[in-house]
Amino acid sequence: MTAGSVFTFRAYKFRINDFSLVAAVYEFVASGFCKVRQLLSTLVGNLTKQKFRVPKMNAIADCPTENELISKAKSGFQELFPGENPSIIASAPGRVNLIGEHTDYNDGFVLPMALPMTTVVIGNKAAVTDKCTVYTLSDAVGSNRQIIFTTPSIESELKPGEPKWGNYVKGVVANFPFKPLPAFNAVIISSVPLGGGLSSSASLEVAMYTFLESLTCVRATDLKQKALACQKAEHDYAGMPCGIMDQFISTMAEQGKALLIDCESMQGIYVPLSDPNVVVLITNSNIRHELTGSEYPTRKRQCMEAAAIMKKKSLRSASMEDLNTNKDAMSDVVFKRARHVIGEIERTQQAAKALQQSNYVEFGKLMVQSHNSLQNDYEVSCAELDELVAAALECEGVLGSRMTGGGFGGCTVTLLYAKYVQDVVNYITNKYSGNATFYIATASSGAHEIKI
């Protein structure tokens, strides 16, 4: 008997090279057969010749609901601040960008949607202190889960420091327009994966700003200004020169809709995304990235260089014709960076039109083009993301797939027909060399206060 031989017992058919030793022995025993010795002898011989692969577990992750997060945050608050009860709850979502990557800081178009994954901030005014105390319940930040600081004033400005997650909180506090802020106690909890490219940072910033609105009863009359204040917090305190997309969608999202954002005019157009026949599948590579290193600022500088060579305010104003005309005046790398951005701006507008027309096949093609450009021209993908996209595109029912977020790890986003979801998840799970996590995403609402 050789590898590849087929056994048939009752209604079961087994191919030897499809099973691990344990699985094969188990099937024999369960079937009540006594030829285990013969099978073991055969399989042991085969194991010396080939590698057996045990199928990995696959499952679509259950994302905690907002109410579940609130319940955990309340318990955490009462444990961390004995004798006190929270009086304020604020929530803001993460996001997935369907298409339009690295275009926001080039005044281009982006097409994100808010996620059911959210950050919740719960707390109250501090009764007998001028200090703000903030805890995070996230395991992903390490052991330093507390920050204590005095609210800023003209004489005493807040300064960034350690832990890093605290800088997002400090940045929002520093940029909140009402002064002086009352001291407060707060607990943060989130279901947005850190470093996954789903904008956990903007989710935290916008949730924190919404908490401060409730704390002070001073609410933004212009949501655009609220988003800009949170963006400035990330620029100044986290050292990330991000565009406006993440804070914009977290602030302004509507249920059942994506949002086409013009990052030059800062205007948005809602695009329906609630067809039950199609699904947005997020696959987390579980490769974590931090973009405050050199890669993100370097690409931003390269884009600015290309725009300057073409005598344009930004790459939003440039065409492919402009780029090709000036190719000899720029390095190959700068040319490739600009080619991605100019092409991606055009693809994003086409994708929004396709989505409005429910032309999911065309939308999927544009997603694939986007990934190829991010991989080859912008060079922000990685082996794991490429592997996940390639596996998805091999599956029946998949319309398109691409990396999403800043890159260098994080997540992919896949558009597919709903009836194929489990088959696709099973296939990617067994094809991917790492351990992926899967989420079904629905277009969700933006930041809001919650009554206790």
Protein backbone atom coordinates (compact mmCIF):
# COMPACT_ATOMS: atom_id res chain seq x y z
CA MET A 1 0.00 0.00 0.00
CA THR A 2 1.41 3.41 -0.96
CA ALA A 3 0.73 7.04 -0.06
CA GLY A 4 -2.41 8.03 -1.86
CA SER A 5 -4.03 4.60 -1.50
CA VAL A 6 -7.75 4.76 -0.85
CA PHE A 7 -9.55 2.80 1.89
CA THR A 8 -13.32 2.40 1.89
CA PHE A 9 -15.03 1.27 5.08
CA ARG A 10 -18.81 1.36 5.23
CA ALA A 11 -19.79 4.81 3.93
CA TYR A 12 -16.40 6.39 4.63
CA LYS A 13 -13.60 6.95 2.18
CA PHE A 14 -10.14 7.95 3.37
CA ARG A 15 -7.07 8.99 1.44
CA ILE A 16 -3.95 8.19 3.47
CA ASN A 17 -1.99 11.32 2.62
CA ASP A 18 -4.90 13.58 3.65
CA PHE A 19 -4.77 12.67 7.35
CA SER A 20 -2.40 12.91 10.26
CA LEU A 21 -1.44 9.84 12.23
CA VAL A 22 -3.76 10.72 15.07
CA ALA A 23 -6.72 11.41 12.82
CA ALA A 24 -6.27 8.16 10.91
CA VAL A 25 -5.93 6.01 14.04
CA TYR A 26 -8.96 7.69 15.56
CA GLU A 27 -11.10 6.94 12.51
CA PHE A 28 -10.08 3.30 12.55
CA VAL A 29 -10.81 2.83 16.22
CA ALA A 30 -14.11 4.69 15.96
CA SER A 31 -15.14 2.42 13.08
CA GLY A 32 -14.47 -0.67 15.15
CA PHE A 33 -11.74 -2.10 12.94
CA CYS A 34 -8.82 -4.02 14.31
CA LYS A 35 -6.22 -3.40 11.65
CA VAL A 36 -4.51 -0.62 13.59
CA ARG A 37 -1.11 -2.32 13.49
CA GLN A 38 -1.18 -2.58 9.71
CA LEU A 39 -2.25 1.07 9.36
CA LEU A 40 0.37 2.31 11.81
CA SER A 41 3.07 0.47 9.94
CA THR A 42 1.96 2.04 6.68
CA LEU A 43 1.59 5.53 8.07
CA VAL A 44 4.91 5.51 9.89
CA GLY A 45 6.55 4.61 6.62
CA ASN A 46 4.73 7.42 4.89
CA LEU A 47 5.67 9.94 7.56
CA THR A 48 9.31 9.50 6.63
CA LYS A 49 8.51 10.45 3.05
CA GLN A 50 6.10 13.37 3.33
CA LYS A 51 4.78 16.07 5.64
CA PHE A 52 1.28 15.57 7.01
CA ARG A 53 -0.75 18.69 7.73
CA VAL A 54 -3.32 18.77 10.50
CA PRO A 55 -6.19 21.07 9.56
CA LYS A 56 -6.19 24.20 11.71
CA MET A 57 -9.18 25.35 13.68
CA ASN A 58 -11.16 28.00 11.88
CA ALA A 59 -13.86 30.25 13.25
CA ILE A 60 -15.31 33.68 12.74
CA ALA A 61 -14.55 35.67 15.86
CA ASP A 62 -17.39 36.89 18.05
CA CYS A 63 -16.89 40.61 18.53
CA PRO A 64 -18.08 41.82 21.95
CA THR A 65 -21.16 43.98 21.69
CA GLU A 66 -21.14 47.55 22.90
CA ASN A 67 -23.30 46.54 25.86
CA GLU A 68 -20.86 43.78 26.80
CA LEU A 69 -17.97 46.25 26.70
CA ILE A 70 -19.92 48.70 28.85
CA SER A 71 -20.67 45.99 31.41
CA LYS A 72 -16.98 45.06 31.69
CA ALA A 73 -15.97 48.71 31.87
CA LYS A 74 -18.45 49.39 34.69
CA SER A 75 -17.11 46.47 36.68
CA GLY A 76 -13.54 47.61 36.06
CA PHE A 77 -14.35 51.19 37.07
CA GLN A 78 -15.96 50.17 40.35
CA GLU A 79 -12.99 47.93 41.14
CA LEU A 80 -10.41 50.61 40.28
CA PHE A 81 -12.31 53.49 41.90
CA PRO A 82 -13.97 51.94 44.98
CA GLY A 83 -17.09 53.71 46.18
CA GLU A 84 -17.58 55.61 42.90
CA ASN A 85 -20.07 55.06 40.12
CA PRO A 86 -19.54 56.16 36.52
CA SER A 87 -21.86 58.85 35.20
CA ILE A 88 -20.57 59.17 31.62
CA ILE A 89 -20.23 56.64 28.80
CA ALA A 90 -18.94 57.44 25.32
CA SER A 91 -18.29 55.14 22.37
CA ALA A 92 -16.59 55.47 18.98
CA PRO A 93 -15.97 52.82 16.31
CA GLY A 94 -12.94 51.57 14.48
CA ARG A 95 -13.07 51.48 10.71
CA VAL A 96 -12.13 49.43 7.71
CA ASN A 97 -11.11 51.22 4.55
CA LEU A 98 -12.70 49.46 1.60
CA ILE A 99 -10.47 51.23 -0.90
CA GLY A 100 -8.39 54.42 -1.07
CA GLU A 101 -5.17 53.65 0.81
CA HIS A 102 -2.53 56.30 1.56
CA THR A 103 -4.56 58.85 -0.36
CA ASP A 104 -5.96 60.87 2.54
CA TYR A 105 -2.76 62.78 3.27
CA ASN A 106 -2.51 63.46 -0.46
CA ASP A 107 -5.90 65.27 -0.52
CA GLY A 108 -7.45 62.30 -2.33
CA PHE A 109 -10.54 60.15 -1.88
CA VAL A 110 -11.09 57.33 0.60
CA LEU A 111 -14.02 54.95 1.08
CA PRO A 112 -14.16 53.64 4.67
CA MET A 113 -16.98 52.26 6.75
CA ALA A 114 -17.29 52.20 10.53
CA LEU A 115 -17.10 48.83 12.29
CA PRO A 116 -19.15 47.24 15.05
CA MET A 117 -15.81 47.04 16.90
CA THR A 118 -15.66 50.03 19.20
CA THR A 119 -13.84 51.82 22.00
CA VAL A 120 -15.79 52.72 25.13
CA VAL A 121 -14.71 55.35 27.67
CA ILE A 122 -16.57 55.33 30.98
CA GLY A 123 -16.03 57.61 33.98
CA ASN A 124 -16.99 60.65 36.03
CA LYS A 125 -15.70 63.93 37.42
CA ALA A 126 -13.00 63.49 40.05
CA ALA A 127 -14.47 64.55 43.38
CA VAL A 128 -11.50 65.50 45.54
CA THR A 129 -8.49 65.92 43.30
CA ASP A 130 -7.16 68.02 40.44
CA LYS A 131 -5.62 64.93 38.86
CA CYS A 132 -7.02 62.90 35.97
CA THR A 133 -6.62 59.15 36.33
CA VAL A 134 -7.22 56.95 33.29
CA TYR A 135 -6.96 53.16 33.10
CA THR A 136 -7.11 50.89 30.08
CA LEU A 137 -8.40 47.34 30.35
CA SER A 138 -6.56 46.26 27.20
CA ASP A 139 -4.11 43.40 27.59
CA ALA A 140 -2.34 44.46 24.40
CA VAL A 141 -0.69 47.56 25.94
CA GLY A 142 1.42 45.60 28.40
CA SER A 143 1.63 46.12 32.14
CA ASN A 144 1.50 49.93 32.21
CA ARG A 145 -2.24 50.47 32.11
CA GLN A 146 -2.59 53.71 34.08
CA ILE A 147 -1.84 57.36 33.40
CA ILE A 148 -2.22 60.24 35.87
CA PHE A 149 -1.93 63.86 34.82
CA THR A 150 -3.12 67.34 35.70
CA THR A 151 -5.50 68.95 33.24
CA PRO A 152 -3.65 71.43 31.02
CA SER A 153 -3.60 75.17 31.49
CA ILE A 154 -1.74 78.14 30.02
CA GLU A 155 0.92 77.69 32.70
CA SER A 156 1.13 73.91 32.45
CA GLU A 157 0.84 72.09 29.13
CA LEU A 158 0.46 68.35 28.80
CA LYS A 159 3.46 66.57 27.37
CA PRO A 160 3.63 63.17 25.66
CA GLY A 161 5.53 60.35 27.32
CA GLU A 162 5.14 56.75 28.39
CA PRO A 163 3.04 54.66 28.08
CA LYS A 164 2.39 55.29 24.40
CA TRP A 165 -1.34 54.63 24.57
CA GLY A 166 -1.68 57.47 27.06
CA ASN A 167 -0.47 59.98 24.47
CA TYR A 168 -3.67 59.56 22.48
CA VAL A 169 -5.67 60.46 25.59
CA LYS A 170 -3.41 63.39 26.48
CA GLY A 171 -3.52 64.69 22.92
CA VAL A 172 -7.31 64.82 22.91
CA VAL A 173 -7.42 66.47 26.33
CA ALA A 174 -4.89 69.07 25.18
CA ASN A 175 -6.85 69.83 21.99
CA PHE A 176 -10.31 69.94 23.53
CA PRO A 177 -11.56 73.53 23.11
CA PHE A 178 -13.08 73.99 26.59
CA LYS A 179 -10.65 75.20 29.25
CA PRO A 180 -10.15 74.58 32.07
CA LEU A 181 -11.27 70.99 32.01
CA PRO A 182 -12.46 69.46 35.27
CA ALA A 183 -10.40 66.56 36.53
CA PHE A 184 -11.87 63.13 35.81
CA ASN A 185 -11.49 59.41 36.36
CA ALA A 186 -11.98 57.10 33.41
CA VAL A 187 -11.68 53.51 32.23
CA ILE A 188 -11.11 52.55 28.59
CA ILE A 189 -12.08 49.27 26.96
CA SER A 190 -11.98 48.38 23.27
CA SER A 191 -12.80 45.59 20.85
CA VAL A 192 -10.75 47.17 18.03
CA PRO A 193 -7.55 45.13 17.54
CA LEU A 194 -4.41 47.17 18.24
CA GLY A 195 -2.03 47.40 15.31
CA GLY A 196 -4.50 45.71 12.98
CA GLY A 197 -5.00 48.58 10.58
CA LEU A 198 -8.56 49.10 11.81
CA SER A 199 -7.87 52.47 13.42
CA SER A 200 -7.83 51.64 17.10
CA SER A 201 -6.09 54.99 17.65
CA ALA A 202 -8.80 57.16 16.06
CA SER A 203 -11.45 55.08 17.82
CA LEU A 204 -9.79 55.93 21.15
CA GLU A 205 -9.33 59.61 20.26
CA VAL A 206 -12.91 60.14 19.14
CA ALA A 207 -14.34 58.19 22.08
CA MET A 208 -12.23 60.29 24.44
CA TYR A 209 -13.37 63.54 22.80
CA THR A 210 -17.00 62.41 23.05
CA PHE A 211 -16.44 61.60 26.74
CA LEU A 212 -15.09 65.12 27.31
CA GLU A 213 -18.11 66.60 25.53
CA SER A 214 -20.37 64.84 28.00
CA LEU A 215 -18.11 65.78 30.93
CA THR A 216 -18.21 69.50 30.09
CA CYS A 217 -21.60 69.71 28.32
CA VAL A 218 -19.68 71.49 25.53
CA ARG A 219 -20.41 69.62 22.31
CA ALA A 220 -19.01 70.21 18.87
CA THR A 221 -21.38 72.08 16.58
CA ASP A 222 -19.27 71.06 13.59
CA LEU A 223 -18.29 67.39 13.46
CA LYS A 224 -15.50 68.25 11.05
CA GLN A 225 -13.80 70.34 13.74
CA LYS A 226 -14.16 67.48 16.20
CA ALA A 227 -12.44 65.14 13.74
CA LEU A 228 -9.68 67.68 13.08
CA ALA A 229 -9.02 68.12 16.81
CA CYS A 230 -8.60 64.35 17.16
CA GLN A 231 -6.31 64.25 14.12
CA LYS A 232 -4.17 67.01 15.64
CA ALA A 233 -3.94 64.98 18.85
CA GLU A 234 -2.43 62.10 16.88
CA HIS A 235 -0.04 64.39 15.02
CA ASP A 236 1.22 66.26 18.06
CA TYR A 237 1.14 63.63 20.81
CA ALA A 238 1.52 60.27 19.05
CA GLY A 239 3.91 61.49 16.35
CA MET A 240 1.81 60.06 13.53
CA PRO A 241 1.25 62.40 10.53
CA CYS A 242 -2.02 60.69 9.57
CA GLY A 243 -4.66 61.99 7.20
CA ILE A 244 -8.22 62.85 8.19
CA MET A 245 -9.97 59.61 7.18
CA ASP A 246 -9.89 57.68 10.45
CA GLN A 247 -11.18 60.45 12.70
CA PHE A 248 -13.69 61.56 10.06
CA ILE A 249 -15.41 58.19 9.69
CA SER A 250 -15.32 57.43 13.43
CA THR A 251 -17.07 60.74 14.05
CA MET A 252 -19.57 60.82 11.17
CA ALA A 253 -20.41 57.24 10.20
CA GLU A 254 -23.99 56.12 9.63
CA GLN A 255 -25.46 52.64 9.99
CA GLY A 256 -25.59 50.67 6.74
CA LYS A 257 -23.44 53.11 4.78
CA ALA A 258 -19.86 53.58 3.68
CA LEU A 259 -18.57 57.13 3.35
CA LEU A 260 -16.76 58.50 0.31
CA ILE A 261 -14.58 61.24 1.78
CA ASP A 262 -13.00 64.00 -0.28
CA CYS A 263 -9.96 64.72 1.87
CA GLU A 264 -9.31 68.03 0.11
CA SER A 265 -12.72 69.63 0.65
CA MET A 266 -13.44 67.44 3.71
CA GLN A 267 -16.88 66.67 2.36
CA GLY A 268 -18.44 63.23 2.43
CA ILE A 269 -21.02 61.31 0.43
CA TYR A 270 -22.77 58.35 2.03
CA VAL A 271 -22.84 55.20 -0.10
CA PRO A 272 -25.33 52.42 0.77
CA LEU A 273 -23.73 49.18 1.94
CA SER A 274 -26.43 46.95 3.38
CA ASP A 275 -27.08 44.29 0.74
CA PRO A 276 -27.54 41.02 2.68
CA ASN A 277 -26.20 39.01 -0.26
CA VAL A 278 -22.68 40.38 0.08
CA VAL A 279 -20.38 40.37 3.09
CA VAL A 280 -17.32 42.34 4.14
CA LEU A 281 -14.85 39.89 5.69
CA ILE A 282 -11.92 41.24 7.68
CA THR A 283 -8.98 38.90 8.13
CA ASN A 284 -6.42 39.85 10.74
CA SER A 285 -2.98 38.50 9.89
CA ASN A 286 -2.08 38.95 13.57
CA ILE A 287 1.15 40.56 12.44
CA ARG A 288 1.26 43.81 14.38
CA HIS A 289 2.62 47.05 12.99
CA GLU A 290 3.59 50.42 14.43
CA LEU A 291 3.63 53.24 11.91
CA THR A 292 5.37 55.90 13.97
CA GLY A 293 8.68 54.60 12.62
CA SER A 294 10.23 55.89 9.43
CA GLU A 295 8.09 54.15 6.81
CA TYR A 296 4.94 56.27 7.04
CA PRO A 297 6.63 59.70 7.21
CA THR A 298 9.04 58.66 4.46
CA ARG A 299 6.22 57.88 2.07
CA LYS A 300 4.47 61.11 2.90
CA ARG A 301 7.68 63.01 2.09
CA GLN A 302 8.05 61.09 -1.17
CA CYS A 303 4.53 62.06 -2.19
CA MET A 304 5.21 65.71 -1.38
CA GLU A 305 8.41 65.54 -3.41
CA ALA A 306 6.56 64.17 -6.42
CA ALA A 307 3.89 66.86 -6.16
CA ALA A 308 6.55 69.58 -5.92
CA ILE A 309 8.36 68.28 -9.01
CA MET A 310 5.08 68.44 -10.92
CA LYS A 311 4.36 71.89 -9.41
CA LYS A 312 1.14 70.67 -7.84
CA LYS A 313 -0.30 71.49 -4.44
CA SER A 314 -0.75 67.78 -3.82
CA LEU A 315 -0.99 64.54 -5.79
CA ARG A 316 -4.76 65.03 -5.87
CA SER A 317 -4.17 67.66 -8.56
CA ALA A 318 -1.86 65.47 -10.65
CA SER A 319 -2.78 63.16 -13.51
CA MET A 320 -0.98 60.14 -14.91
CA GLU A 321 -0.04 62.30 -17.87
CA ASP A 322 1.58 64.83 -15.51
CA LEU A 323 3.46 62.01 -13.80
CA ASN A 324 4.76 60.44 -16.99
CA THR A 325 5.83 63.84 -18.33
CA ASN A 326 7.96 64.42 -15.21
CA LYS A 327 9.23 60.85 -14.80
CA ASP A 328 12.84 61.70 -15.64
CA ALA A 329 12.90 64.43 -12.99
CA MET A 330 12.23 62.07 -10.09
CA SER A 331 13.73 58.89 -8.71
CA ASP A 332 12.18 55.53 -9.55
CA VAL A 333 10.94 55.17 -5.98
CA VAL A 334 9.26 58.59 -5.90
CA PHE A 335 7.69 57.85 -9.30
CA LYS A 336 6.24 54.57 -8.02
CA ARG A 337 4.85 56.20 -4.88
CA ALA A 338 3.10 58.88 -6.94
CA ARG A 339 1.82 56.32 -9.46
CA HIS A 340 0.09 54.44 -6.66
CA VAL A 341 -1.55 57.52 -5.19
CA ILE A 342 -2.76 58.99 -8.49
CA GLY A 343 -4.12 55.61 -9.57
CA GLU A 344 -5.70 54.93 -6.18
CA ILE A 345 -7.53 58.26 -6.16
CA GLU A 346 -9.10 57.36 -9.51
CA ARG A 347 -9.87 53.78 -8.43
CA THR A 348 -11.63 55.00 -5.29
CA GLN A 349 -13.98 57.24 -7.23
CA GLN A 350 -14.75 54.40 -9.63
CA ALA A 351 -15.33 52.04 -6.71
CA ALA A 352 -17.84 54.40 -5.08
CA LYS A 353 -19.81 54.55 -8.33
CA ALA A 354 -19.72 50.76 -8.62
CA LEU A 355 -20.99 50.37 -5.06
CA GLN A 356 -23.81 52.86 -5.66
CA GLN A 357 -24.86 50.73 -8.64
CA SER A 358 -24.47 47.45 -6.70
CA ASN A 359 -21.84 46.44 -9.25
CA TYR A 360 -19.91 44.27 -6.83
CA VAL A 361 -17.90 42.50 -9.54
CA GLU A 362 -16.40 45.79 -10.70
CA PHE A 363 -15.83 46.87 -7.10
CA GLY A 364 -13.93 43.64 -6.44
CA LYS A 365 -11.69 44.13 -9.48
CA LEU A 366 -10.77 47.59 -8.23
CA MET A 367 -9.91 46.14 -4.80
CA VAL A 368 -7.46 43.72 -6.39
CA GLN A 369 -5.88 46.49 -8.46
CA SER A 370 -5.51 48.51 -5.26
CA HIS A 371 -3.70 45.68 -3.49
CA ASN A 372 -1.33 45.09 -6.39
CA SER A 373 -0.45 48.78 -6.41
CA LEU A 374 0.10 48.86 -2.63
CA GLN A 375 2.29 45.78 -2.91
CA ASN A 376 4.40 46.81 -5.89
CA ASP A 377 4.38 50.62 -6.10
CA TYR A 378 3.78 51.83 -2.55
CA GLU A 379 5.51 48.81 -0.99
CA VAL A 380 3.55 48.75 2.24
CA SER A 381 2.25 45.20 2.05
CA CYS A 382 4.08 42.20 3.50
CA ALA A 383 4.31 38.47 2.84
CA GLU A 384 1.50 37.62 5.26
CA LEU A 385 -0.96 40.10 3.74
CA ASP A 386 -0.08 38.99 0.21
CA GLU A 387 -0.61 35.38 1.26
CA LEU A 388 -4.05 36.14 2.70
CA VAL A 389 -5.16 38.08 -0.38
CA ALA A 390 -3.92 35.37 -2.74
CA ALA A 391 -5.74 32.67 -0.75
CA ALA A 392 -8.99 34.66 -0.75
CA LEU A 393 -8.86 35.21 -4.50
CA GLU A 394 -8.59 31.46 -5.07
CA CYS A 395 -12.02 30.94 -3.49
CA GLU A 396 -15.37 30.68 -5.20
CA GLY A 397 -17.66 33.54 -4.26
CA VAL A 398 -14.91 36.07 -3.57
CA LEU A 399 -15.33 39.31 -5.51
CA GLY A 400 -12.18 41.11 -4.38
CA SER A 401 -9.59 41.32 -1.62
CA ARG A 402 -6.86 43.72 -0.57
CA MET A 403 -4.73 44.81 2.36
CA THR A 404 -6.31 47.59 4.38
CA GLY A 405 -4.83 50.19 6.71
CA GLY A 406 -1.33 51.57 6.82
CA GLY A 407 0.32 48.27 5.93
CA PHE A 408 3.32 46.27 7.17
CA GLY A 409 0.92 43.81 8.77
CA GLY A 410 -2.61 44.15 10.06
CA CYS A 411 -5.66 43.13 8.10
CA THR A 412 -7.08 42.36 4.71
CA VAL A 413 -10.61 43.22 3.61
CA THR A 414 -12.51 40.88 1.32
CA LEU A 415 -15.84 41.37 -0.45
CA LEU A 416 -17.68 38.12 -1.10
CA TYR A 417 -21.09 36.60 -1.50
CA ALA A 418 -22.63 35.75 1.87
CA LYS A 419 -23.34 32.09 1.11
CA TYR A 420 -19.63 31.35 0.65
CA VAL A 421 -18.35 32.87 3.90
CA GLN A 422 -17.63 29.70 5.86
CA ASP A 423 -16.03 27.95 2.90
CA VAL A 424 -13.75 30.94 2.33
CA VAL A 425 -12.80 31.14 6.00
CA ASN A 426 -12.01 27.41 6.05
CA TYR A 427 -9.86 27.65 2.94
CA ILE A 428 -7.87 30.70 4.06
CA THR A 429 -7.34 29.18 7.50
CA ASN A 430 -5.69 26.08 6.08
CA LYS A 431 -3.82 27.95 3.36
CA TYR A 432 -2.34 30.70 5.56
CA SER A 433 1.01 29.97 7.20
CA GLY A 434 0.10 31.99 10.29
CA ASN A 435 -2.94 32.09 12.54
CA ALA A 436 -5.57 34.47 11.20
CA THR A 437 -8.63 35.89 12.95
CA PHE A 438 -11.80 36.54 10.97
CA TYR A 439 -14.54 39.11 11.48
CA ILE A 440 -17.77 39.72 9.61
CA ALA A 441 -18.16 43.49 9.43
CA THR A 442 -21.32 45.52 8.94
CA ALA A 443 -21.34 49.24 8.28
CA SER A 444 -22.01 50.77 11.71
CA SER A 445 -22.78 54.15 13.26
CA GLY A 446 -20.28 56.75 14.47
CA ALA A 447 -19.40 58.17 17.89
CA HIS A 448 -22.14 58.69 20.45
CA GLU A 449 -22.84 59.21 24.12
CA ILE A 450 -24.72 56.54 26.04
CA LYS A 451 -27.10 57.25 28.87
CA ILE A 452 -26.53 55.37 32.11
